[in-house]
Amino acid sequence: MSEHLEKRYFISAIGTDCGKSIVSAILCEKLKADYWKPIQAGIVPQTDTELVKSLISNKKTKYHKEAYKLKTPASPHYAALLDKKKIELRKINCPDTSNTLIIEGAGGLLVPINQKNYVYDLIPHLNAELILVVNFYLGSINHTLLSIEYLKSRKAKVKGIIFCGELNESSKQIIDNNLPWPVLGVIGNISVLNKASIKLEADKLVF
């Protein structure tokens, strides 16, 4: 029996468009884990579930239905308002599976899902362990260190960090010096995004 069985990993990031779906696909391929996006905001050109499904080769991964599927690519609280829906934390419950579950969040840790809850609140609610995705852009050091301090203040359950995208060694060194958790992997730019490239990254990942 795999040591990963029945584990729940919540994929969040220091901001939006940091590579959460790519990391989720790589982890699903690596662990042959199930995938679940509790809150999907934006359905065109495709949902994150559809993207991840198109990138995974293994036949064990199952893709679970979103708790909320919203039309507008925006903060969930606002996308729900436009759809005349209300996101309730108590109505978001893990799908029934005995497999490892990769749970992909929306945006960053403090993206609001309603007037009082944030994406972060899903992590303890779902009894999951966080994997924080970090990439490099102007301001990413600040966003990463603020995320780290917030997680420390909440005594969050954190599995580790995954760097994703074009590497900036100078920025990475500053972040490394302030990390209380391990670096689980470094995923560079993937020039051609398909099943083969995701499998290659999964094979390289030490997890």
N, C-alpha and C. Protein backbone atom coordinates (compact mmCIF):
# COMPACT_ATOMS: atom_id res chain seq x y z
N MET A 1 0.85 -1.20 0.00
CA MET A 1 0.00 0.00 0.00
C MET A 1 0.88 1.25 0.00
N SER A 2 0.56 2.19 -0.87
CA SER A 2 1.36 3.41 -0.97
C SER A 2 1.24 4.27 0.28
N GLU A 3 2.36 4.89 0.66
CA GLU A 3 2.34 5.78 1.82
C GLU A 3 1.52 7.03 1.54
N HIS A 4 1.23 7.29 0.26
CA HIS A 4 0.48 8.50 -0.10
C HIS A 4 -1.03 8.28 -0.03
N LEU A 5 -1.46 7.04 0.19
CA LEU A 5 -2.88 6.73 0.13
C LEU A 5 -3.66 7.56 1.14
N GLU A 6 -4.77 8.09 0.67
CA GLU A 6 -5.71 8.86 1.49
C GLU A 6 -5.14 10.17 2.01
N LYS A 7 -4.05 10.68 1.41
CA LYS A 7 -3.55 11.99 1.77
C LYS A 7 -4.25 13.05 0.94
N ARG A 8 -4.34 14.26 1.49
CA ARG A 8 -4.96 15.38 0.78
C ARG A 8 -3.95 16.52 0.73
N TYR A 9 -3.63 16.93 -0.49
CA TYR A 9 -2.70 18.04 -0.69
C TYR A 9 -3.44 19.19 -1.36
N PHE A 10 -3.40 20.34 -0.73
CA PHE A 10 -4.07 21.53 -1.24
C PHE A 10 -3.04 22.39 -1.95
N ILE A 11 -3.27 22.67 -3.23
CA ILE A 11 -2.33 23.45 -4.03
C ILE A 11 -2.78 24.91 -4.07
N SER A 12 -1.97 25.77 -3.45
CA SER A 12 -2.24 27.20 -3.51
C SER A 12 -0.96 27.88 -3.98
N ALA A 13 -0.99 29.20 -4.06
CA ALA A 13 0.14 29.92 -4.63
C ALA A 13 0.27 31.30 -4.02
N ILE A 14 1.35 31.98 -4.41
CA ILE A 14 1.59 33.34 -3.90
C ILE A 14 0.75 34.36 -4.65
N GLY A 15 0.07 33.94 -5.71
CA GLY A 15 -0.77 34.84 -6.49
C GLY A 15 -1.52 34.08 -7.55
N THR A 16 -2.05 34.81 -8.52
CA THR A 16 -2.80 34.21 -9.62
C THR A 16 -1.87 33.88 -10.78
N ASP A 17 -2.20 32.84 -11.53
CA ASP A 17 -1.42 32.43 -12.70
C ASP A 17 0.03 32.10 -12.35
N CYS A 18 0.20 31.39 -11.26
CA CYS A 18 1.53 30.97 -10.84
C CYS A 18 1.86 29.54 -11.26
N GLY A 19 0.89 28.85 -11.84
CA GLY A 19 1.16 27.49 -12.29
C GLY A 19 0.52 26.40 -11.45
N LYS A 20 -0.55 26.75 -10.72
CA LYS A 20 -1.18 25.75 -9.84
C LYS A 20 -1.71 24.54 -10.62
N SER A 21 -2.33 24.79 -11.77
CA SER A 21 -2.90 23.69 -12.55
C SER A 21 -1.80 22.78 -13.11
N ILE A 22 -0.70 23.39 -13.55
CA ILE A 22 0.43 22.60 -14.06
C ILE A 22 1.02 21.75 -12.95
N VAL A 23 1.24 22.36 -11.79
CA VAL A 23 1.77 21.61 -10.64
C VAL A 23 0.79 20.52 -10.24
N SER A 24 -0.49 20.83 -10.25
CA SER A 24 -1.51 19.82 -9.90
C SER A 24 -1.44 18.64 -10.85
N ALA A 25 -1.31 18.92 -12.15
CA ALA A 25 -1.23 17.85 -13.14
C ALA A 25 0.02 17.00 -12.92
N ILE A 26 1.13 17.63 -12.65
CA ILE A 26 2.39 16.90 -12.41
C ILE A 26 2.28 16.02 -11.17
N LEU A 27 1.68 16.55 -10.11
CA LEU A 27 1.51 15.76 -8.89
C LEU A 27 0.53 14.61 -9.09
N CYS A 28 -0.54 14.86 -9.83
CA CYS A 28 -1.48 13.77 -10.12
C CYS A 28 -0.80 12.67 -10.91
N GLU A 29 0.04 13.06 -11.86
CA GLU A 29 0.77 12.07 -12.66
C GLU A 29 1.80 11.34 -11.80
N LYS A 30 2.50 12.08 -10.95
CA LYS A 30 3.53 11.48 -10.09
C LYS A 30 2.93 10.50 -9.09
N LEU A 31 1.86 10.89 -8.44
CA LEU A 31 1.27 10.11 -7.35
C LEU A 31 0.10 9.25 -7.80
N LYS A 32 -0.28 9.41 -9.08
CA LYS A 32 -1.50 8.76 -9.60
C LYS A 32 -2.69 9.10 -8.70
N ALA A 33 -2.72 10.38 -8.33
CA ALA A 33 -3.70 10.90 -7.39
C ALA A 33 -4.96 11.36 -8.11
N ASP A 34 -6.05 11.49 -7.37
CA ASP A 34 -7.27 12.11 -7.88
C ASP A 34 -7.11 13.63 -7.88
N TYR A 35 -7.94 14.29 -8.69
CA TYR A 35 -7.88 15.75 -8.79
C TYR A 35 -9.25 16.34 -8.49
N TRP A 36 -9.23 17.48 -7.77
CA TRP A 36 -10.49 18.17 -7.44
C TRP A 36 -10.25 19.66 -7.36
N LYS A 37 -11.06 20.42 -8.05
CA LYS A 37 -11.05 21.88 -7.98
C LYS A 37 -12.36 22.30 -7.31
N PRO A 38 -12.37 22.58 -6.02
CA PRO A 38 -13.63 22.88 -5.32
C PRO A 38 -14.37 24.08 -5.89
N ILE A 39 -13.63 25.15 -6.21
CA ILE A 39 -14.26 26.37 -6.73
C ILE A 39 -13.61 26.73 -8.06
N GLN A 40 -14.39 26.64 -9.12
CA GLN A 40 -13.92 27.02 -10.45
C GLN A 40 -14.56 28.35 -10.83
N ALA A 41 -13.73 29.35 -11.05
CA ALA A 41 -14.22 30.67 -11.48
C ALA A 41 -13.68 30.94 -12.88
N GLY A 42 -14.55 30.81 -13.86
CA GLY A 42 -14.16 30.95 -15.26
C GLY A 42 -14.20 29.61 -15.97
N ILE A 43 -14.97 29.53 -17.04
CA ILE A 43 -15.15 28.24 -17.73
C ILE A 43 -14.72 28.28 -19.19
N VAL A 44 -14.25 29.44 -19.67
CA VAL A 44 -13.82 29.59 -21.06
C VAL A 44 -12.34 29.99 -21.07
N PRO A 45 -11.45 29.39 -21.89
CA PRO A 45 -11.77 28.38 -22.91
C PRO A 45 -12.00 26.97 -22.34
N GLN A 46 -11.56 26.74 -21.11
CA GLN A 46 -11.80 25.45 -20.47
C GLN A 46 -11.63 25.61 -18.96
N THR A 47 -12.18 24.67 -18.23
CA THR A 47 -12.01 24.69 -16.79
C THR A 47 -10.64 24.10 -16.44
N ASP A 48 -10.22 24.32 -15.21
CA ASP A 48 -8.95 23.74 -14.78
C ASP A 48 -9.01 22.22 -14.75
N THR A 49 -10.18 21.68 -14.42
CA THR A 49 -10.33 20.22 -14.44
C THR A 49 -10.13 19.69 -15.85
N GLU A 50 -10.70 20.36 -16.83
CA GLU A 50 -10.54 19.94 -18.23
C GLU A 50 -9.08 20.03 -18.66
N LEU A 51 -8.39 21.10 -18.23
CA LEU A 51 -6.97 21.26 -18.57
C LEU A 51 -6.15 20.13 -17.97
N VAL A 52 -6.31 19.91 -16.66
CA VAL A 52 -5.53 18.87 -15.97
C VAL A 52 -5.79 17.51 -16.61
N LYS A 53 -7.05 17.22 -16.88
CA LYS A 53 -7.41 15.93 -17.48
C LYS A 53 -6.72 15.73 -18.83
N SER A 54 -6.56 16.80 -19.60
CA SER A 54 -5.93 16.70 -20.92
C SER A 54 -4.43 16.47 -20.84
N LEU A 55 -3.85 16.64 -19.65
CA LEU A 55 -2.39 16.57 -19.50
C LEU A 55 -1.91 15.30 -18.80
N ILE A 56 -2.83 14.48 -18.33
CA ILE A 56 -2.45 13.33 -17.52
C ILE A 56 -2.56 12.03 -18.32
N SER A 57 -1.52 11.20 -18.16
CA SER A 57 -1.44 9.95 -18.92
C SER A 57 -2.00 8.75 -18.16
N ASN A 58 -1.81 8.73 -16.83
CA ASN A 58 -2.18 7.53 -16.08
C ASN A 58 -3.70 7.33 -16.06
N LYS A 59 -4.11 6.09 -15.87
CA LYS A 59 -5.54 5.75 -15.91
C LYS A 59 -6.18 5.68 -14.52
N LYS A 60 -5.36 5.89 -13.48
CA LYS A 60 -5.89 5.77 -12.11
C LYS A 60 -6.56 7.06 -11.63
N THR A 61 -6.05 8.20 -12.08
CA THR A 61 -6.57 9.49 -11.63
C THR A 61 -8.04 9.65 -11.99
N LYS A 62 -8.83 10.07 -11.00
CA LYS A 62 -10.23 10.42 -11.23
C LYS A 62 -10.39 11.92 -11.02
N TYR A 63 -11.36 12.48 -11.70
CA TYR A 63 -11.57 13.93 -11.68
C TYR A 63 -12.94 14.20 -11.07
N HIS A 64 -12.93 14.88 -9.95
CA HIS A 64 -14.16 15.05 -9.17
C HIS A 64 -14.83 16.38 -9.50
N LYS A 65 -16.13 16.38 -9.41
CA LYS A 65 -16.95 17.53 -9.78
C LYS A 65 -16.72 18.71 -8.84
N GLU A 66 -16.70 19.89 -9.41
CA GLU A 66 -16.54 21.11 -8.60
C GLU A 66 -17.72 21.30 -7.65
N ALA A 67 -17.44 21.85 -6.47
CA ALA A 67 -18.53 22.22 -5.56
C ALA A 67 -19.24 23.47 -6.09
N TYR A 68 -18.48 24.38 -6.68
CA TYR A 68 -19.03 25.59 -7.29
C TYR A 68 -18.34 25.82 -8.64
N LYS A 69 -19.15 26.00 -9.66
CA LYS A 69 -18.64 26.24 -11.01
C LYS A 69 -19.22 27.56 -11.49
N LEU A 70 -18.38 28.59 -11.52
CA LEU A 70 -18.81 29.96 -11.79
C LEU A 70 -18.32 30.41 -13.17
N LYS A 71 -19.08 31.27 -13.80
CA LYS A 71 -18.81 31.62 -15.19
C LYS A 71 -17.65 32.60 -15.37
N THR A 72 -17.51 33.54 -14.43
CA THR A 72 -16.58 34.65 -14.64
C THR A 72 -15.20 34.37 -14.06
N PRO A 73 -14.13 34.62 -14.83
CA PRO A 73 -12.77 34.46 -14.30
C PRO A 73 -12.42 35.64 -13.39
N ALA A 74 -12.81 35.52 -12.13
CA ALA A 74 -12.63 36.61 -11.16
C ALA A 74 -12.49 36.00 -9.78
N SER A 75 -12.26 36.83 -8.78
CA SER A 75 -12.26 36.35 -7.40
C SER A 75 -13.56 35.60 -7.14
N PRO A 76 -13.52 34.43 -6.50
CA PRO A 76 -14.73 33.62 -6.34
C PRO A 76 -15.91 34.37 -5.72
N HIS A 77 -15.65 35.25 -4.75
CA HIS A 77 -16.76 35.95 -4.11
C HIS A 77 -17.49 36.84 -5.12
N TYR A 78 -16.73 37.43 -6.05
CA TYR A 78 -17.33 38.32 -7.05
C TYR A 78 -17.97 37.51 -8.18
N ALA A 79 -17.29 36.45 -8.61
CA ALA A 79 -17.86 35.58 -9.65
C ALA A 79 -19.18 34.98 -9.17
N ALA A 80 -19.24 34.62 -7.88
CA ALA A 80 -20.49 34.07 -7.32
C ALA A 80 -21.58 35.14 -7.29
N LEU A 81 -21.21 36.37 -6.97
CA LEU A 81 -22.18 37.47 -6.96
C LEU A 81 -22.79 37.66 -8.34
N LEU A 82 -21.94 37.61 -9.37
CA LEU A 82 -22.43 37.78 -10.74
C LEU A 82 -23.34 36.63 -11.15
N ASP A 83 -23.08 35.45 -10.64
CA ASP A 83 -23.91 34.27 -10.95
C ASP A 83 -25.10 34.14 -10.00
N LYS A 84 -25.25 35.12 -9.09
CA LYS A 84 -26.32 35.10 -8.10
C LYS A 84 -26.28 33.82 -7.25
N LYS A 85 -25.05 33.49 -6.83
CA LYS A 85 -24.84 32.35 -5.95
C LYS A 85 -24.11 32.80 -4.69
N LYS A 86 -24.14 31.98 -3.68
CA LYS A 86 -23.42 32.26 -2.45
C LYS A 86 -22.56 31.04 -2.12
N ILE A 87 -21.26 31.28 -1.99
CA ILE A 87 -20.35 30.19 -1.65
C ILE A 87 -20.35 30.00 -0.14
N GLU A 88 -20.66 28.79 0.30
CA GLU A 88 -20.69 28.48 1.73
C GLU A 88 -19.64 27.41 2.03
N LEU A 89 -18.78 27.73 2.98
CA LEU A 89 -17.69 26.81 3.34
C LEU A 89 -18.22 25.45 3.75
N ARG A 90 -19.31 25.43 4.51
CA ARG A 90 -19.84 24.18 5.04
C ARG A 90 -20.36 23.25 3.94
N LYS A 91 -20.60 23.81 2.76
CA LYS A 91 -21.11 22.99 1.65
C LYS A 91 -19.99 22.45 0.75
N ILE A 92 -18.76 22.76 1.11
CA ILE A 92 -17.62 22.26 0.33
C ILE A 92 -17.00 21.10 1.09
N ASN A 93 -17.25 19.90 0.64
CA ASN A 93 -16.77 18.70 1.31
C ASN A 93 -16.02 17.81 0.32
N CYS A 94 -14.96 17.15 0.81
CA CYS A 94 -14.13 16.34 -0.05
C CYS A 94 -14.93 15.23 -0.73
N PRO A 95 -14.62 14.94 -1.97
CA PRO A 95 -15.28 13.81 -2.65
C PRO A 95 -14.90 12.49 -2.01
N ASP A 96 -15.71 11.51 -2.23
CA ASP A 96 -15.49 10.19 -1.65
C ASP A 96 -14.44 9.45 -2.47
N THR A 97 -13.25 9.30 -1.93
CA THR A 97 -12.17 8.58 -2.58
C THR A 97 -11.20 8.04 -1.54
N SER A 98 -10.63 6.90 -1.82
CA SER A 98 -9.59 6.34 -0.94
C SER A 98 -8.21 6.63 -1.51
N ASN A 99 -8.17 7.35 -2.63
CA ASN A 99 -6.90 7.67 -3.28
C ASN A 99 -6.36 8.99 -2.72
N THR A 100 -5.07 9.24 -2.94
CA THR A 100 -4.51 10.55 -2.68
C THR A 100 -5.30 11.58 -3.47
N LEU A 101 -5.55 12.74 -2.86
CA LEU A 101 -6.37 13.77 -3.51
C LEU A 101 -5.58 15.07 -3.64
N ILE A 102 -5.44 15.54 -4.86
CA ILE A 102 -4.86 16.85 -5.13
C ILE A 102 -6.01 17.85 -5.26
N ILE A 103 -6.01 18.85 -4.38
CA ILE A 103 -7.07 19.85 -4.34
C ILE A 103 -6.48 21.18 -4.81
N GLU A 104 -6.99 21.71 -5.89
CA GLU A 104 -6.46 22.97 -6.41
C GLU A 104 -7.30 24.15 -5.96
N GLY A 105 -6.65 25.12 -5.35
CA GLY A 105 -7.34 26.32 -4.90
C GLY A 105 -7.54 27.31 -6.03
N ALA A 106 -8.15 28.44 -5.72
CA ALA A 106 -8.38 29.52 -6.69
C ALA A 106 -7.53 30.71 -6.29
N GLY A 107 -6.65 31.15 -7.19
CA GLY A 107 -5.82 32.30 -6.88
C GLY A 107 -4.87 32.02 -5.72
N GLY A 108 -4.62 33.06 -4.90
CA GLY A 108 -3.71 32.93 -3.77
C GLY A 108 -4.44 32.64 -2.47
N LEU A 109 -3.69 32.61 -1.40
CA LEU A 109 -4.20 32.19 -0.09
C LEU A 109 -5.32 33.08 0.43
N LEU A 110 -5.21 34.39 0.21
CA LEU A 110 -6.20 35.32 0.78
C LEU A 110 -7.17 35.85 -0.26
N VAL A 111 -7.40 35.08 -1.29
CA VAL A 111 -8.48 35.41 -2.23
C VAL A 111 -9.81 35.09 -1.53
N PRO A 112 -10.75 36.04 -1.48
CA PRO A 112 -12.01 35.80 -0.77
C PRO A 112 -12.94 34.87 -1.55
N ILE A 113 -13.59 33.97 -0.82
CA ILE A 113 -14.61 33.12 -1.45
C ILE A 113 -16.02 33.59 -1.08
N ASN A 114 -16.12 34.36 -0.01
CA ASN A 114 -17.36 35.03 0.37
C ASN A 114 -16.99 36.22 1.24
N GLN A 115 -17.91 36.76 1.99
CA GLN A 115 -17.63 37.97 2.77
C GLN A 115 -16.80 37.72 4.04
N LYS A 116 -16.61 36.47 4.42
CA LYS A 116 -15.84 36.21 5.64
C LYS A 116 -14.77 35.13 5.51
N ASN A 117 -14.80 34.36 4.42
CA ASN A 117 -13.85 33.26 4.26
C ASN A 117 -12.94 33.49 3.07
N TYR A 118 -11.74 32.93 3.19
CA TYR A 118 -10.74 33.04 2.15
C TYR A 118 -10.35 31.65 1.67
N VAL A 119 -9.62 31.59 0.55
CA VAL A 119 -9.15 30.31 0.04
C VAL A 119 -8.40 29.54 1.12
N TYR A 120 -7.61 30.26 1.92
CA TYR A 120 -6.87 29.57 2.98
C TYR A 120 -7.78 28.74 3.88
N ASP A 121 -8.97 29.24 4.17
CA ASP A 121 -9.88 28.57 5.10
C ASP A 121 -10.29 27.18 4.62
N LEU A 122 -10.16 26.94 3.33
CA LEU A 122 -10.48 25.62 2.81
C LEU A 122 -9.49 24.56 3.29
N ILE A 123 -8.26 24.96 3.56
CA ILE A 123 -7.22 23.98 3.89
C ILE A 123 -7.52 23.26 5.20
N PRO A 124 -7.71 23.96 6.34
CA PRO A 124 -8.09 23.23 7.55
C PRO A 124 -9.48 22.62 7.46
N HIS A 125 -10.39 23.30 6.74
CA HIS A 125 -11.75 22.77 6.60
C HIS A 125 -11.73 21.39 5.93
N LEU A 126 -10.85 21.21 4.97
CA LEU A 126 -10.77 19.95 4.23
C LEU A 126 -9.72 19.00 4.80
N ASN A 127 -9.12 19.42 5.91
CA ASN A 127 -8.09 18.61 6.57
C ASN A 127 -6.99 18.22 5.58
N ALA A 128 -6.49 19.23 4.89
CA ALA A 128 -5.47 19.02 3.87
C ALA A 128 -4.14 19.62 4.30
N GLU A 129 -3.10 19.23 3.59
CA GLU A 129 -1.76 19.75 3.80
C GLU A 129 -1.42 20.64 2.61
N LEU A 130 -0.88 21.82 2.86
CA LEU A 130 -0.66 22.79 1.80
C LEU A 130 0.65 22.54 1.06
N ILE A 131 0.58 22.68 -0.27
CA ILE A 131 1.77 22.82 -1.10
C ILE A 131 1.67 24.19 -1.76
N LEU A 132 2.65 25.05 -1.51
CA LEU A 132 2.61 26.43 -1.99
C LEU A 132 3.45 26.55 -3.26
N VAL A 133 2.82 27.02 -4.33
CA VAL A 133 3.50 27.22 -5.61
C VAL A 133 4.05 28.64 -5.67
N VAL A 134 5.33 28.74 -6.02
CA VAL A 134 6.01 30.03 -6.09
C VAL A 134 6.62 30.18 -7.48
N ASN A 135 6.36 31.32 -8.13
CA ASN A 135 7.12 31.62 -9.35
C ASN A 135 7.72 33.00 -9.22
N PHE A 136 8.44 33.42 -10.24
CA PHE A 136 9.25 34.63 -10.11
C PHE A 136 8.77 35.72 -11.05
N TYR A 137 8.51 36.89 -10.48
CA TYR A 137 8.09 38.07 -11.21
C TYR A 137 8.39 39.26 -10.31
N LEU A 138 8.25 40.44 -10.81
CA LEU A 138 8.51 41.63 -10.00
C LEU A 138 7.51 41.67 -8.84
N GLY A 139 8.01 41.56 -7.62
CA GLY A 139 7.14 41.53 -6.44
C GLY A 139 6.97 40.15 -5.83
N SER A 140 7.52 39.13 -6.49
CA SER A 140 7.28 37.76 -6.00
C SER A 140 7.98 37.46 -4.68
N ILE A 141 9.11 38.08 -4.41
CA ILE A 141 9.76 37.87 -3.11
C ILE A 141 8.84 38.37 -2.00
N ASN A 142 8.33 39.58 -2.17
CA ASN A 142 7.42 40.16 -1.19
C ASN A 142 6.20 39.28 -1.00
N HIS A 143 5.58 38.84 -2.08
CA HIS A 143 4.38 38.01 -2.00
C HIS A 143 4.67 36.67 -1.33
N THR A 144 5.84 36.11 -1.62
CA THR A 144 6.20 34.83 -1.02
C THR A 144 6.45 34.97 0.48
N LEU A 145 7.22 35.97 0.87
CA LEU A 145 7.54 36.15 2.29
C LEU A 145 6.29 36.50 3.09
N LEU A 146 5.39 37.30 2.52
CA LEU A 146 4.13 37.60 3.20
C LEU A 146 3.29 36.33 3.36
N SER A 147 3.27 35.49 2.33
CA SER A 147 2.53 34.22 2.41
C SER A 147 3.12 33.33 3.50
N ILE A 148 4.44 33.27 3.56
CA ILE A 148 5.10 32.45 4.58
C ILE A 148 4.74 32.95 5.98
N GLU A 149 4.81 34.25 6.19
CA GLU A 149 4.51 34.80 7.52
C GLU A 149 3.05 34.53 7.90
N TYR A 150 2.16 34.67 6.94
CA TYR A 150 0.75 34.40 7.22
C TYR A 150 0.55 32.94 7.61
N LEU A 151 1.14 32.04 6.86
CA LEU A 151 1.00 30.60 7.14
C LEU A 151 1.59 30.25 8.51
N LYS A 152 2.71 30.86 8.85
CA LYS A 152 3.32 30.62 10.17
C LYS A 152 2.41 31.13 11.27
N SER A 153 1.79 32.29 11.04
CA SER A 153 0.91 32.86 12.07
C SER A 153 -0.33 32.00 12.29
N ARG A 154 -0.75 31.26 11.26
CA ARG A 154 -1.92 30.40 11.37
C ARG A 154 -1.56 28.97 11.77
N LYS A 155 -0.25 28.74 11.96
CA LYS A 155 0.24 27.39 12.29
C LYS A 155 -0.30 26.36 11.28
N ALA A 156 -0.21 26.74 10.02
CA ALA A 156 -0.76 25.93 8.94
C ALA A 156 0.04 24.64 8.75
N LYS A 157 -0.65 23.62 8.28
CA LYS A 157 0.00 22.36 7.91
C LYS A 157 0.53 22.50 6.48
N VAL A 158 1.85 22.59 6.38
CA VAL A 158 2.47 22.83 5.08
C VAL A 158 3.40 21.68 4.74
N LYS A 159 3.18 21.07 3.58
CA LYS A 159 4.05 20.01 3.10
C LYS A 159 5.35 20.58 2.56
N GLY A 160 5.26 21.68 1.81
CA GLY A 160 6.45 22.30 1.25
C GLY A 160 6.14 23.24 0.12
N ILE A 161 7.20 23.63 -0.58
CA ILE A 161 7.16 24.64 -1.65
C ILE A 161 7.54 23.98 -2.96
N ILE A 162 6.87 24.40 -4.04
CA ILE A 162 7.31 24.03 -5.38
C ILE A 162 7.51 25.31 -6.19
N PHE A 163 8.72 25.49 -6.72
CA PHE A 163 9.00 26.61 -7.61
C PHE A 163 8.57 26.21 -9.01
N CYS A 164 7.94 27.14 -9.72
CA CYS A 164 7.40 26.83 -11.04
C CYS A 164 7.64 28.00 -11.99
N GLY A 165 8.18 27.72 -13.15
CA GLY A 165 8.42 28.76 -14.14
C GLY A 165 9.88 29.15 -14.24
N GLU A 166 10.15 30.20 -15.00
CA GLU A 166 11.52 30.64 -15.23
C GLU A 166 12.20 30.99 -13.91
N LEU A 167 13.35 30.40 -13.67
CA LEU A 167 14.03 30.52 -12.38
C LEU A 167 14.84 31.81 -12.30
N ASN A 168 14.74 32.48 -11.16
CA ASN A 168 15.59 33.62 -10.84
C ASN A 168 16.38 33.23 -9.60
N GLU A 169 17.65 32.90 -9.79
CA GLU A 169 18.46 32.35 -8.70
C GLU A 169 18.60 33.33 -7.53
N SER A 170 18.73 34.61 -7.83
CA SER A 170 18.87 35.62 -6.78
C SER A 170 17.62 35.67 -5.90
N SER A 171 16.46 35.68 -6.54
CA SER A 171 15.20 35.70 -5.79
C SER A 171 15.02 34.39 -5.02
N LYS A 172 15.35 33.28 -5.65
CA LYS A 172 15.19 31.97 -5.01
C LYS A 172 16.04 31.89 -3.74
N GLN A 173 17.25 32.44 -3.79
CA GLN A 173 18.13 32.39 -2.63
C GLN A 173 17.52 33.13 -1.44
N ILE A 174 16.94 34.30 -1.69
CA ILE A 174 16.29 35.05 -0.61
C ILE A 174 15.14 34.24 -0.02
N ILE A 175 14.34 33.65 -0.89
CA ILE A 175 13.20 32.86 -0.42
C ILE A 175 13.69 31.63 0.35
N ASP A 176 14.70 30.94 -0.20
CA ASP A 176 15.27 29.76 0.48
C ASP A 176 15.73 30.10 1.89
N ASN A 177 16.32 31.27 2.05
CA ASN A 177 16.85 31.68 3.35
C ASN A 177 15.75 31.90 4.39
N ASN A 178 14.51 32.05 3.92
CA ASN A 178 13.40 32.33 4.83
C ASN A 178 12.37 31.21 4.90
N LEU A 179 12.71 30.07 4.30
CA LEU A 179 11.75 28.97 4.25
C LEU A 179 11.80 28.09 5.49
N PRO A 180 10.67 27.92 6.18
CA PRO A 180 10.62 26.98 7.29
C PRO A 180 10.22 25.57 6.84
N TRP A 181 9.96 25.39 5.54
CA TRP A 181 9.50 24.11 5.00
C TRP A 181 10.38 23.71 3.83
N PRO A 182 10.38 22.44 3.46
CA PRO A 182 11.25 21.97 2.38
C PRO A 182 10.79 22.41 1.00
N VAL A 183 11.75 22.48 0.09
CA VAL A 183 11.44 22.66 -1.33
C VAL A 183 11.21 21.27 -1.92
N LEU A 184 10.02 21.06 -2.45
CA LEU A 184 9.64 19.75 -2.97
C LEU A 184 10.05 19.56 -4.43
N GLY A 185 10.26 20.67 -5.13
CA GLY A 185 10.63 20.56 -6.53
C GLY A 185 10.83 21.90 -7.18
N VAL A 186 11.54 21.89 -8.29
CA VAL A 186 11.75 23.09 -9.11
C VAL A 186 11.34 22.72 -10.53
N ILE A 187 10.28 23.31 -11.02
CA ILE A 187 9.76 23.02 -12.35
C ILE A 187 10.02 24.24 -13.24
N GLY A 188 10.84 24.06 -14.24
CA GLY A 188 11.18 25.17 -15.13
C GLY A 188 10.07 25.45 -16.13
N ASN A 189 10.35 26.36 -17.05
CA ASN A 189 9.39 26.64 -18.12
C ASN A 189 9.18 25.39 -18.96
N ILE A 190 7.95 25.04 -19.23
CA ILE A 190 7.64 23.90 -20.09
C ILE A 190 7.25 24.46 -21.46
N SER A 191 8.14 24.27 -22.44
CA SER A 191 7.94 24.92 -23.74
C SER A 191 6.73 24.36 -24.49
N VAL A 192 6.55 23.05 -24.42
CA VAL A 192 5.39 22.40 -25.05
C VAL A 192 4.60 21.68 -23.97
N LEU A 193 3.39 22.15 -23.73
CA LEU A 193 2.58 21.60 -22.64
C LEU A 193 1.70 20.49 -23.19
N ASN A 194 2.03 19.24 -22.83
CA ASN A 194 1.24 18.09 -23.25
C ASN A 194 1.47 16.93 -22.28
N LYS A 195 0.89 15.80 -22.57
CA LYS A 195 1.00 14.65 -21.66
C LYS A 195 2.45 14.22 -21.50
N ALA A 196 3.21 14.24 -22.57
CA ALA A 196 4.60 13.80 -22.52
C ALA A 196 5.44 14.71 -21.63
N SER A 197 5.26 16.03 -21.75
CA SER A 197 6.07 16.95 -20.95
C SER A 197 5.67 16.89 -19.47
N ILE A 198 4.39 16.70 -19.20
CA ILE A 198 3.94 16.56 -17.81
C ILE A 198 4.50 15.28 -17.19
N LYS A 199 4.50 14.20 -17.96
CA LYS A 199 5.05 12.93 -17.45
C LYS A 199 6.54 13.06 -17.20
N LEU A 200 7.24 13.76 -18.07
CA LEU A 200 8.67 13.98 -17.88
C LEU A 200 8.95 14.75 -16.60
N GLU A 201 8.19 15.80 -16.34
CA GLU A 201 8.36 16.57 -15.11
C GLU A 201 7.99 15.73 -13.88
N ALA A 202 6.95 14.90 -14.01
CA ALA A 202 6.55 14.04 -12.90
C ALA A 202 7.64 13.03 -12.57
N ASP A 203 8.27 12.49 -13.60
CA ASP A 203 9.35 11.51 -13.38
C ASP A 203 10.55 12.15 -12.70
N LYS A 204 10.78 13.44 -12.94
CA LYS A 204 11.92 14.13 -12.33
C LYS A 204 11.64 14.56 -10.90
N LEU A 205 10.38 14.71 -10.56
CA LEU A 205 10.00 15.25 -9.25
C LEU A 205 10.28 14.24 -8.15
N VAL A 206 11.01 14.66 -7.13
CA VAL A 206 11.26 13.81 -5.96
C VAL A 206 10.25 14.19 -4.90
N PHE A 207 9.36 13.28 -4.60
CA PHE A 207 8.26 13.62 -3.68
C PHE A 207 8.02 12.46 -2.73
